[in-house]
Amino acid sequence: MFERLYDTIESTQVNFIGYISERARYDFAIVHTDNFFGKPLVVCMQTGRSSLLSAEDVVDLEHLQRSFAISSKEEAQELSVFMQQRLPDLGLKEQY
C-alpha cells in the first residue's frame, strides 16, 4: 500500500547553462517549476547529480560539494558565485 502525495504535470522552463573555469567545466540544466517552494531543480549534465537550490542554498559551499561531488572549496566557491546570479532569491520561507 502507498499513499500518493502528488501527481502533477506542468510545462516548465529549462535553462541549459555551460561554463568553464580554470579548474573545471560544468554543464547544468536548471528546471524552473511551480513545485518545491519555488526552488529550481539543478541537474549536472555530466554526472546526473541534482539538487533543489535557491540563491541562498548555493552560499553553503559544503552543500554544493556534497550535491555535485566537487573536490575543492575553491571550485565550490566559483560555482556558488556563478549560480547565485542564475537562481532565484527566495528569502526565508517555511517549507513544510
Protein backbone atom coordinates (compact mmCIF):
# COMPACT_ATOMS: atom_id res chain seq x y z
CA MET A 1 0.00 0.00 0.00
CA PHE A 2 1.08 3.55 -0.63
CA GLU A 3 -0.42 6.99 -0.39
CA ARG A 4 0.07 9.25 -3.38
CA LEU A 5 1.48 12.59 -2.25
CA TYR A 6 1.27 14.37 -5.59
CA ASP A 7 0.98 13.62 -9.28
CA THR A 8 1.22 16.74 -11.43
CA ILE A 9 2.08 17.55 -14.99
CA GLU A 10 3.24 21.03 -15.88
CA SER A 11 5.03 22.86 -18.62
CA THR A 12 8.37 24.04 -17.31
CA GLN A 13 11.11 26.37 -18.36
CA VAL A 14 14.51 24.70 -18.62
CA ASN A 15 17.67 26.78 -18.82
CA PHE A 16 20.77 24.98 -20.09
CA ILE A 17 23.99 26.62 -18.94
CA GLY A 18 27.58 25.66 -19.58
CA TYR A 19 30.69 27.38 -18.33
CA ILE A 20 34.36 26.71 -17.88
CA SER A 21 36.73 27.97 -15.21
CA GLU A 22 40.42 27.40 -14.66
CA ARG A 23 39.54 24.33 -12.58
CA ALA A 24 36.59 22.64 -14.30
CA ARG A 25 33.88 22.64 -16.94
CA TYR A 26 30.20 22.49 -15.98
CA ASP A 27 27.03 21.85 -17.93
CA PHE A 28 23.80 22.33 -16.00
CA ALA A 29 20.09 22.17 -16.67
CA ILE A 30 18.05 24.42 -14.39
CA VAL A 31 14.41 23.31 -14.34
CA HIS A 32 12.09 26.07 -13.15
CA THR A 33 8.86 24.68 -11.73
CA ASP A 34 5.90 25.77 -9.63
CA ASN A 35 6.61 22.88 -7.27
CA PHE A 36 9.18 22.63 -4.50
CA PHE A 37 8.52 26.02 -2.93
CA GLY A 38 9.95 27.92 -5.89
CA LYS A 39 13.32 26.18 -5.87
CA PRO A 40 14.52 25.10 -9.31
CA LEU A 41 15.90 21.63 -9.85
CA VAL A 42 19.57 21.97 -10.83
CA VAL A 43 20.96 18.97 -12.73
CA CYS A 44 24.62 18.48 -13.59
CA MET A 45 24.51 17.10 -17.12
CA GLN A 46 27.91 15.41 -16.74
CA THR A 47 27.24 13.42 -13.58
CA GLY A 48 23.45 13.30 -13.38
CA ARG A 49 23.60 14.65 -9.82
CA SER A 50 20.81 17.04 -8.94
CA SER A 51 19.56 19.25 -6.13
CA LEU A 52 16.77 21.72 -5.44
CA LEU A 53 18.56 25.04 -5.00
CA SER A 54 17.93 28.73 -4.47
CA ALA A 55 20.44 31.58 -4.34
CA GLU A 56 20.58 31.20 -0.54
CA ASP A 57 21.37 27.48 -0.78
CA VAL A 58 24.42 27.87 -3.02
CA VAL A 59 26.17 30.01 -0.40
CA ASP A 60 26.63 26.80 1.60
CA LEU A 61 29.81 25.51 -0.05
CA GLU A 62 29.76 22.16 1.76
CA HIS A 63 26.25 21.53 0.45
CA LEU A 64 27.41 22.28 -3.10
CA GLN A 65 30.40 19.99 -2.68
CA ARG A 66 28.21 17.11 -1.48
CA SER A 67 25.47 17.69 -4.06
CA PHE A 68 27.72 17.82 -7.10
CA ALA A 69 30.80 15.86 -5.92
CA ILE A 70 33.10 18.88 -6.04
CA SER A 71 36.51 18.18 -4.58
CA SER A 72 37.78 21.64 -3.61
CA LYS A 73 36.39 24.63 -1.75
CA GLU A 74 37.75 26.94 -4.45
CA GLU A 75 35.80 25.11 -7.14
CA ALA A 76 32.66 25.19 -4.97
CA GLN A 77 33.15 28.94 -4.42
CA GLU A 78 33.32 29.56 -8.18
CA LEU A 79 30.15 27.52 -8.72
CA SER A 80 28.43 29.39 -5.88
CA VAL A 81 29.15 32.79 -7.42
CA PHE A 82 28.02 31.55 -10.84
CA MET A 83 24.76 30.04 -9.53
CA GLN A 84 23.86 32.99 -7.29
CA GLN A 85 23.40 35.04 -10.46
CA ARG A 86 21.07 32.45 -12.03
CA LEU A 87 18.92 31.10 -9.21
CA PRO A 88 16.02 32.89 -7.53
CA ASP A 89 16.48 34.65 -4.21
CA LEU A 90 13.62 33.20 -2.15
CA GLY A 91 14.42 34.66 1.24
CA LEU A 92 13.48 32.61 4.26
CA LYS A 93 10.28 30.64 3.74
CA GLU A 94 8.77 27.89 5.76
CA GLN A 95 8.96 24.80 3.57
CA TYR A 96 6.97 22.22 5.49
